PDB file of all heavy atoms in Angstrom:
ATOM      1  N   ALA A   1     170.071  41.711  60.977  1.00  0.00           N
ATOM      2  CA  ALA A   1     169.641  40.528  61.740  1.00  0.00           C
ATOM      3  C   ALA A   1     169.871  39.251  60.948  1.00  0.00           C
ATOM      4  O   ALA A   1     170.280  38.224  61.517  1.00  0.00           O
ATOM      5  CB  ALA A   1     168.160  40.670  62.102  1.00  0.00           C
ATOM      6  N   ALA A   2     169.624  39.290  59.631  1.00  0.00           N
ATOM      7  CA  ALA A   2     169.871  38.096  58.808  1.00  0.00           C
ATOM      8  C   ALA A   2     171.354  37.760  58.776  1.00  0.00           C
ATOM      9  O   ALA A   2     171.742  36.587  58.821  1.00  0.00           O
ATOM     10  CB  ALA A   2     169.343  38.328  57.395  1.00  0.00           C
ATOM     11  N   GLY A   3     172.191  38.788  58.691  1.00  0.00           N
ATOM     12  CA  GLY A   3     173.627  38.529  58.714  1.00  0.00           C
ATOM     13  C   GLY A   3     174.107  37.981  60.034  1.00  0.00           C
ATOM     14  O   GLY A   3     175.057  37.193  60.091  1.00  0.00           O
ATOM     15  N   ALA A   4     173.430  38.385  61.135  1.00  0.00           N
ATOM     16  CA  ALA A   4     173.802  37.893  62.466  1.00  0.00           C
ATOM     17  C   ALA A   4     173.176  36.547  62.782  1.00  0.00           C
ATOM     18  O   ALA A   4     173.513  35.940  63.806  1.00  0.00           O
ATOM     19  CB  ALA A   4     173.402  38.912  63.526  1.00  0.00           C
ATOM     20  N   GLY A   5     172.246  36.068  61.936  1.00  0.00           N
ATOM     21  CA  GLY A   5     171.609  34.781  62.165  1.00  0.00           C
ATOM     22  C   GLY A   5     170.373  34.834  63.042  1.00  0.00           C
ATOM     23  O   GLY A   5     169.907  33.791  63.509  1.00  0.00           O
ATOM     24  N   ASP A   6     169.813  36.036  63.265  1.00  0.00           N
ATOM     25  CA  ASP A   6     168.607  36.183  64.071  1.00  0.00           C
ATOM     26  C   ASP A   6     167.396  36.026  63.148  1.00  0.00           C
ATOM     27  O   ASP A   6     166.933  36.986  62.520  1.00  0.00           O
ATOM     28  CB  ASP A   6     168.607  37.553  64.748  1.00  0.00           C
ATOM     29  CG  ASP A   6     167.511  37.675  65.806  1.00  0.00           C
ATOM     30  OD1 ASP A   6     166.630  36.796  65.854  1.00  0.00           O
ATOM     31  OD2 ASP A   6     167.533  38.660  66.568  1.00  0.00           O
ATOM     32  N   ALA A   7     166.878  34.804  63.053  1.00  0.00           N
ATOM     33  CA  ALA A   7     165.802  34.527  62.110  1.00  0.00           C
ATOM     34  C   ALA A   7     164.506  35.221  62.503  1.00  0.00           C
ATOM     35  O   ALA A   7     163.783  35.741  61.639  1.00  0.00           O
ATOM     36  CB  ALA A   7     165.592  33.018  61.995  1.00  0.00           C
ATOM     37  N   ASN A   8     164.193  35.264  63.800  1.00  0.00           N
ATOM     38  CA  ASN A   8     162.924  35.869  64.235  1.00  0.00           C
ATOM     39  C   ASN A   8     162.884  37.360  63.910  1.00  0.00           C
ATOM     40  O   ASN A   8     161.901  37.868  63.351  1.00  0.00           O
ATOM     41  CB  ASN A   8     162.722  35.640  65.736  1.00  0.00           C
ATOM     42  CG  ASN A   8     162.550  34.171  66.080  1.00  0.00           C
ATOM     43  OD1 ASN A   8     161.998  33.407  65.275  1.00  0.00           O
ATOM     44  ND2 ASN A   8     163.011  33.772  67.252  1.00  0.00           N
ATOM     45  N   LEU A   9     163.934  38.064  64.280  1.00  0.00           N
ATOM     46  CA  LEU A   9     163.971  39.498  64.001  1.00  0.00           C
ATOM     47  C   LEU A   9     164.005  39.765  62.510  1.00  0.00           C
ATOM     48  O   LEU A   9     163.371  40.715  62.018  1.00  0.00           O
ATOM     49  CB  LEU A   9     165.181  40.135  64.690  1.00  0.00           C
ATOM     50  CG  LEU A   9     165.338  41.645  64.519  1.00  0.00           C
ATOM     51  CD1 LEU A   9     164.107  42.379  65.051  1.00  0.00           C
ATOM     52  CD2 LEU A   9     166.611  42.134  65.218  1.00  0.00           C
ATOM     53  N   ALA A  10     164.739  38.950  61.750  1.00  0.00           N
ATOM     54  CA  ALA A  10     164.799  39.139  60.305  1.00  0.00           C
ATOM     55  C   ALA A  10     163.430  38.938  59.661  1.00  0.00           C
ATOM     56  O   ALA A  10     163.008  39.716  58.789  1.00  0.00           O
ATOM     57  CB  ALA A  10     165.817  38.180  59.694  1.00  0.00           C
ATOM     58  N   ARG A  11     162.710  37.911  60.093  1.00  0.00           N
ATOM     59  CA  ARG A  11     161.369  37.675  59.553  1.00  0.00           C
ATOM     60  C   ARG A  11     160.418  38.816  59.926  1.00  0.00           C
ATOM     61  O   ARG A  11     159.615  39.275  59.114  1.00  0.00           O
ATOM     62  CB  ARG A  11     160.835  36.351  60.101  1.00  0.00           C
ATOM     63  CG  ARG A  11     159.400  36.035  59.716  1.00  0.00           C
ATOM     64  CD  ARG A  11     159.224  35.913  58.221  1.00  0.00           C
ATOM     65  NE  ARG A  11     159.987  34.778  57.706  1.00  0.00           N
ATOM     66  CZ  ARG A  11     160.090  34.506  56.411  1.00  0.00           C
ATOM     67  NH1 ARG A  11     159.485  35.294  55.525  1.00  0.00           N
ATOM     68  NH2 ARG A  11     160.797  33.477  55.990  1.00  0.00           N
ATOM     69  N   LYS A  12     160.498  39.316  61.161  1.00  0.00           N
ATOM     70  CA  LYS A  12     159.655  40.429  61.606  1.00  0.00           C
ATOM     71  C   LYS A  12     159.950  41.686  60.800  1.00  0.00           C
ATOM     72  O   LYS A  12     159.021  42.395  60.343  1.00  0.00           O
ATOM     73  CB  LYS A  12     159.889  40.667  63.092  1.00  0.00           C
ATOM     74  CG  LYS A  12     159.042  41.781  63.684  1.00  0.00           C
ATOM     75  CD  LYS A  12     159.342  41.925  65.169  1.00  0.00           C
ATOM     76  CE  LYS A  12     158.533  43.091  65.764  1.00  0.00           C
ATOM     77  NZ  LYS A  12     158.821  43.267  67.221  1.00  0.00           N
ATOM     78  N   MET A  13     161.225  41.980  60.592  1.00  0.00           N
ATOM     79  CA  MET A  13     161.588  43.171  59.835  1.00  0.00           C
ATOM     80  C   MET A  13     161.222  43.032  58.355  1.00  0.00           C
ATOM     81  O   MET A  13     160.882  44.020  57.696  1.00  0.00           O
ATOM     82  CB  MET A  13     163.090  43.433  59.968  1.00  0.00           C
ATOM     83  CG  MET A  13     163.512  43.882  61.361  1.00  0.00           C
ATOM     84  SD  MET A  13     162.796  45.465  61.873  1.00  0.00           S
ATOM     85  CE  MET A  13     161.554  44.902  63.040  1.00  0.00           C
ATOM     86  N   ALA A  14     161.270  41.819  57.825  1.00  0.00           N
ATOM     87  CA  ALA A  14     160.872  41.616  56.433  1.00  0.00           C
ATOM     88  C   ALA A  14     159.385  41.894  56.243  1.00  0.00           C
ATOM     89  O   ALA A  14     158.981  42.539  55.259  1.00  0.00           O
ATOM     90  CB  ALA A  14     161.206  40.193  55.996  1.00  0.00           C
ATOM     91  N   ALA A  15     158.562  41.426  57.190  1.00  0.00           N
ATOM     92  CA  ALA A  15     157.126  41.711  57.106  1.00  0.00           C
ATOM     93  C   ALA A  15     156.848  43.196  57.259  1.00  0.00           C
ATOM     94  O   ALA A  15     155.995  43.771  56.551  1.00  0.00           O
ATOM     95  CB  ALA A  15     156.389  40.903  58.176  1.00  0.00           C
ATOM     96  N   ARG A  16     157.547  43.860  58.162  1.00  0.00           N
ATOM     97  CA  ARG A  16     157.334  45.301  58.341  1.00  0.00           C
ATOM     98  C   ARG A  16     157.782  46.071  57.103  1.00  0.00           C
ATOM     99  O   ARG A  16     157.128  47.040  56.704  1.00  0.00           O
ATOM    100  CB  ARG A  16     158.098  45.780  59.570  1.00  0.00           C
ATOM    101  CG  ARG A  16     157.943  47.266  59.858  1.00  0.00           C
ATOM    102  CD  ARG A  16     158.704  47.664  61.093  1.00  0.00           C
ATOM    103  NE  ARG A  16     158.212  46.952  62.285  1.00  0.00           N
ATOM    104  CZ  ARG A  16     158.719  47.128  63.503  1.00  0.00           C
ATOM    105  NH1 ARG A  16     159.742  47.958  63.680  1.00  0.00           N
ATOM    106  NH2 ARG A  16     158.214  46.468  64.522  1.00  0.00           N
ATOM    107  N   THR A  17     158.872  45.640  56.498  1.00  0.00           N
ATOM    108  CA  THR A  17     159.356  46.327  55.304  1.00  0.00           C
ATOM    109  C   THR A  17     158.362  46.186  54.159  1.00  0.00           C
ATOM    110  O   THR A  17     158.134  47.136  53.392  1.00  0.00           O
ATOM    111  CB  THR A  17     160.724  45.758  54.900  1.00  0.00           C
ATOM    112  OG1 THR A  17     161.620  45.864  56.001  1.00  0.00           O
ATOM    113  CG2 THR A  17     161.298  46.502  53.718  1.00  0.00           C
ATOM    114  N   ARG A  18     157.780  45.011  54.022  1.00  0.00           N
ATOM    115  CA  ARG A  18     156.782  44.798  52.963  1.00  0.00           C
ATOM    116  C   ARG A  18     155.573  45.721  53.140  1.00  0.00           C
ATOM    117  O   ARG A  18     154.974  46.155  52.158  1.00  0.00           O
ATOM    118  CB  ARG A  18     156.332  43.354  52.964  1.00  0.00           C
ATOM    119  CG  ARG A  18     157.233  42.459  52.160  1.00  0.00           C
ATOM    120  CD  ARG A  18     156.434  41.707  51.145  1.00  0.00           C
ATOM    121  NE  ARG A  18     157.259  40.892  50.290  1.00  0.00           N
ATOM    122  CZ  ARG A  18     157.206  40.981  48.997  1.00  0.00           C
ATOM    123  NH1 ARG A  18     156.450  41.904  48.433  1.00  0.00           N
ATOM    124  NH2 ARG A  18     157.916  40.185  48.244  1.00  0.00           N
ATOM    125  N   GLY A  19     155.207  46.017  54.387  1.00  0.00           N
ATOM    126  CA  GLY A  19     154.079  46.903  54.621  1.00  0.00           C
ATOM    127  C   GLY A  19     154.396  48.363  54.430  1.00  0.00           C
ATOM    128  O   GLY A  19     153.480  49.178  54.252  1.00  0.00           O
ATOM    129  N   LEU A  20     155.664  48.727  54.464  1.00  0.00           N
ATOM    130  CA  LEU A  20     156.053  50.121  54.344  1.00  0.00           C
ATOM    131  C   LEU A  20     156.609  50.488  52.981  1.00  0.00           C
ATOM    132  O   LEU A  20     156.500  51.640  52.549  1.00  0.00           O
ATOM    133  CB  LEU A  20     157.092  50.463  55.426  1.00  0.00           C
ATOM    134  CG  LEU A  20     156.612  50.343  56.886  1.00  0.00           C
ATOM    135  CD1 LEU A  20     157.772  50.547  57.842  1.00  0.00           C
ATOM    136  CD2 LEU A  20     155.493  51.341  57.171  1.00  0.00           C
ATOM    137  N   ILE A  21     157.236  49.521  52.291  1.00  0.00           N
ATOM    138  CA  ILE A  21     157.869  49.789  50.996  1.00  0.00           C
ATOM    139  C   ILE A  21     157.353  48.776  49.992  1.00  0.00           C
ATOM    140  O   ILE A  21     157.192  47.587  50.312  1.00  0.00           O
ATOM    141  CB  ILE A  21     159.406  49.703  51.094  1.00  0.00           C
ATOM    142  CG1 ILE A  21     159.939  50.641  52.174  1.00  0.00           C
ATOM    143  CG2 ILE A  21     160.059  50.061  49.760  1.00  0.00           C
ATOM    144  CD1 ILE A  21     161.436  50.558  52.373  1.00  0.00           C
ATOM    145  N   ASN A  22     157.129  49.227  48.793  1.00  0.00           N
ATOM    146  CA  ASN A  22     156.720  48.346  47.711  1.00  0.00           C
ATOM    147  C   ASN A  22     157.945  47.588  47.203  1.00  0.00           C
ATOM    148  O   ASN A  22     158.993  48.181  46.922  1.00  0.00           O
ATOM    149  CB  ASN A  22     156.078  49.156  46.591  1.00  0.00           C
ATOM    150  CG  ASN A  22     155.428  48.261  45.547  1.00  0.00           C
ATOM    151  OD1 ASN A  22     155.487  47.041  45.644  1.00  0.00           O
ATOM    152  ND2 ASN A  22     154.793  48.868  44.563  1.00  0.00           N
ATOM    153  N   SER A  23     157.810  46.277  47.070  1.00  0.00           N
ATOM    154  CA  SER A  23     158.942  45.456  46.620  1.00  0.00           C
ATOM    155  C   SER A  23     159.356  45.771  45.190  1.00  0.00           C
ATOM    156  O   SER A  23     160.509  45.518  44.807  1.00  0.00           O
ATOM    157  CB  SER A  23     158.596  43.973  46.745  1.00  0.00           C
ATOM    158  OG  SER A  23     157.467  43.655  45.956  1.00  0.00           O
ATOM    159  N   ASP A  24     158.458  46.298  44.394  1.00  0.00           N
ATOM    160  CA  ASP A  24     158.832  46.679  43.032  1.00  0.00           C
ATOM    161  C   ASP A  24     159.758  47.886  43.025  1.00  0.00           C
ATOM    162  O   ASP A  24     160.540  48.070  42.087  1.00  0.00           O
ATOM    163  CB  ASP A  24     157.579  46.989  42.213  1.00  0.00           C
ATOM    164  CG  ASP A  24     156.693  45.755  42.043  1.00  0.00           C
ATOM    165  OD1 ASP A  24     157.238  44.636  42.126  1.00  0.00           O
ATOM    166  OD2 ASP A  24     155.475  45.916  41.842  1.00  0.00           O
ATOM    167  N   GLN A  25     159.663  48.706  44.064  1.00  0.00           N
ATOM    168  CA  GLN A  25     160.522  49.876  44.153  1.00  0.00           C
ATOM    169  C   GLN A  25     161.855  49.576  44.831  1.00  0.00           C
ATOM    170  O   GLN A  25     162.835  50.279  44.587  1.00  0.00           O
ATOM    171  CB  GLN A  25     159.795  50.995  44.912  1.00  0.00           C
ATOM    172  CG  GLN A  25     158.515  51.474  44.243  1.00  0.00           C
ATOM    173  CD  GLN A  25     157.780  52.503  45.069  1.00  0.00           C
ATOM    174  OE1 GLN A  25     158.171  52.784  46.203  1.00  0.00           O
ATOM    175  NE2 GLN A  25     156.715  53.069  44.514  1.00  0.00           N
ATOM    176  N   GLU A  26     161.897  48.563  45.676  1.00  0.00           N
ATOM    177  CA  GLU A  26     163.122  48.232  46.403  1.00  0.00           C
ATOM    178  C   GLU A  26     163.405  46.737  46.293  1.00  0.00           C
ATOM    179  O   GLU A  26     162.804  45.922  46.993  1.00  0.00           O
ATOM    180  CB  GLU A  26     162.982  48.633  47.863  1.00  0.00           C
ATOM    181  CG  GLU A  26     164.261  48.416  48.672  1.00  0.00           C
ATOM    182  CD  GLU A  26     165.464  49.024  47.978  1.00  0.00           C
ATOM    183  OE1 GLU A  26     165.501  50.260  47.818  1.00  0.00           O
ATOM    184  OE2 GLU A  26     166.362  48.245  47.581  1.00  0.00           O
ATOM    185  N   PRO A  27     164.327  46.327  45.388  1.00  0.00           N
ATOM    186  CA  PRO A  27     164.621  44.890  45.205  1.00  0.00           C
ATOM    187  C   PRO A  27     165.297  44.242  46.407  1.00  0.00           C
ATOM    188  O   PRO A  27     165.321  43.013  46.512  1.00  0.00           O
ATOM    189  CB  PRO A  27     165.546  44.875  43.983  1.00  0.00           C
ATOM    190  CG  PRO A  27     165.377  46.216  43.341  1.00  0.00           C
ATOM    191  CD  PRO A  27     165.049  47.164  44.439  1.00  0.00           C
ATOM    192  N   LEU A  28     165.869  45.045  47.317  1.00  0.00           N
ATOM    193  CA  LEU A  28     166.546  44.441  48.460  1.00  0.00           C
ATOM    194  C   LEU A  28     165.588  43.689  49.377  1.00  0.00           C
ATOM    195  O   LEU A  28     166.031  42.895  50.208  1.00  0.00           O
ATOM    196  CB  LEU A  28     167.268  45.540  49.261  1.00  0.00           C
ATOM    197  CG  LEU A  28     168.562  46.081  48.648  1.00  0.00           C
ATOM    198  CD1 LEU A  28     169.128  47.185  49.511  1.00  0.00           C
ATOM    199  CD2 LEU A  28     169.579  44.971  48.454  1.00  0.00           C
ATOM    200  N   ILE A  29     164.285  43.942  49.222  1.00  0.00           N
ATOM    201  CA  ILE A  29     163.319  43.192  50.026  1.00  0.00           C
ATOM    202  C   ILE A  29     163.388  41.707  49.667  1.00  0.00           C
ATOM    203  O   ILE A  29     163.300  40.835  50.550  1.00  0.00           O
ATOM    204  CB  ILE A  29     161.905  43.760  49.821  1.00  0.00           C
ATOM    205  CG1 ILE A  29     161.854  45.212  50.300  1.00  0.00           C
ATOM    206  CG2 ILE A  29     160.869  42.927  50.547  1.00  0.00           C
ATOM    207  CD1 ILE A  29     160.515  45.877  50.060  1.00  0.00           C
ATOM    208  N   HIS A  30     163.565  41.391  48.373  1.00  0.00           N
ATOM    209  CA  HIS A  30     163.705  39.989  47.961  1.00  0.00           C
ATOM    210  C   HIS A  30     164.946  39.359  48.586  1.00  0.00           C
ATOM    211  O   HIS A  30     164.919  38.202  48.998  1.00  0.00           O
ATOM    212  CB  HIS A  30     163.774  39.903  46.437  1.00  0.00           C
ATOM    213  CG  HIS A  30     162.539  40.393  45.751  1.00  0.00           C
ATOM    214  ND1 HIS A  30     161.317  39.779  45.888  1.00  0.00           N
ATOM    215  CD2 HIS A  30     162.336  41.456  44.924  1.00  0.00           C
ATOM    216  CE1 HIS A  30     160.402  40.416  45.168  1.00  0.00           C
ATOM    217  NE2 HIS A  30     161.007  41.447  44.570  1.00  0.00           N
ATOM    218  N   LEU A  31     166.017  40.134  48.657  1.00  0.00           N
ATOM    219  CA  LEU A  31     167.243  39.611  49.263  1.00  0.00           C
ATOM    220  C   LEU A  31     167.036  39.331  50.746  1.00  0.00           C
ATOM    221  O   LEU A  31     167.475  38.288  51.254  1.00  0.00           O
ATOM    222  CB  LEU A  31     168.386  40.605  49.063  1.00  0.00           C
ATOM    223  CG  LEU A  31     169.720  40.248  49.731  1.00  0.00           C
ATOM    224  CD1 LEU A  31     170.264  38.939  49.181  1.00  0.00           C
ATOM    225  CD2 LEU A  31     170.737  41.370  49.551  1.00  0.00           C
ATOM    226  N   LEU A  32     166.354  40.238  51.456  1.00  0.00           N
ATOM    227  CA  LEU A  32     166.101  40.024  52.878  1.00  0.00           C
ATOM    228  C   LEU A  32     165.254  38.780  53.092  1.00  0.00           C
ATOM    229  O   LEU A  32     165.536  37.957  53.984  1.00  0.00           O
ATOM    230  CB  LEU A  32     165.411  41.252  53.462  1.00  0.00           C
ATOM    231  CG  LEU A  32     164.961  41.143  54.926  1.00  0.00           C
ATOM    232  CD1 LEU A  32     166.141  40.826  55.835  1.00  0.00           C
ATOM    233  CD2 LEU A  32     164.272  42.425  55.368  1.00  0.00           C
ATOM    234  N   GLU A  33     164.222  38.594  52.275  1.00  0.00           N
ATOM    235  CA  GLU A  33     163.366  37.417  52.429  1.00  0.00           C
ATOM    236  C   GLU A  33     164.120  36.135  52.087  1.00  0.00           C
ATOM    237  O   GLU A  33     163.935  35.099  52.743  1.00  0.00           O
ATOM    238  CB  GLU A  33     162.139  37.566  51.547  1.00  0.00           C
ATOM    239  CG  GLU A  33     161.209  38.683  51.998  1.00  0.00           C
ATOM    240  CD  GLU A  33     160.031  38.869  51.063  1.00  0.00           C
ATOM    241  OE1 GLU A  33     160.071  38.308  49.947  1.00  0.00           O
ATOM    242  OE2 GLU A  33     159.083  39.562  51.444  1.00  0.00           O
ATOM    243  N   ALA A  34     164.986  36.181  51.079  1.00  0.00           N
ATOM    244  CA  ALA A  34     165.766  34.996  50.718  1.00  0.00           C
ATOM    245  C   ALA A  34     166.753  34.631  51.825  1.00  0.00           C
ATOM    246  O   ALA A  34     166.900  33.450  52.194  1.00  0.00           O
ATOM    247  CB  ALA A  34     166.497  35.218  49.403  1.00  0.00           C
ATOM    248  N   GLN A  35     167.435  35.629  52.379  1.00  0.00           N
ATOM    249  CA  GLN A  35     168.386  35.352  53.454  1.00  0.00           C
ATOM    250  C   GLN A  35     167.674  34.855  54.705  1.00  0.00           C
ATOM    251  O   GLN A  35     168.177  33.983  55.423  1.00  0.00           O
ATOM    252  CB  GLN A  35     169.183  36.628  53.771  1.00  0.00           C
ATOM    253  CG  GLN A  35     170.103  37.073  52.656  1.00  0.00           C
ATOM    254  CD  GLN A  35     171.197  36.061  52.369  1.00  0.00           C
ATOM    255  OE1 GLN A  35     171.672  35.379  53.266  1.00  0.00           O
ATOM    256  NE2 GLN A  35     171.595  35.955  51.123  1.00  0.00           N
TER     257      GLN A  35
END
């Protein structure tokens, strides 16, 4: 969604990812939030 420019879906998926995966274990969460 971030690559496609869908900000709403990207923000929603970033929040859901934070609740399911620890950011210390998966650095790609920082990339998703930055994008």
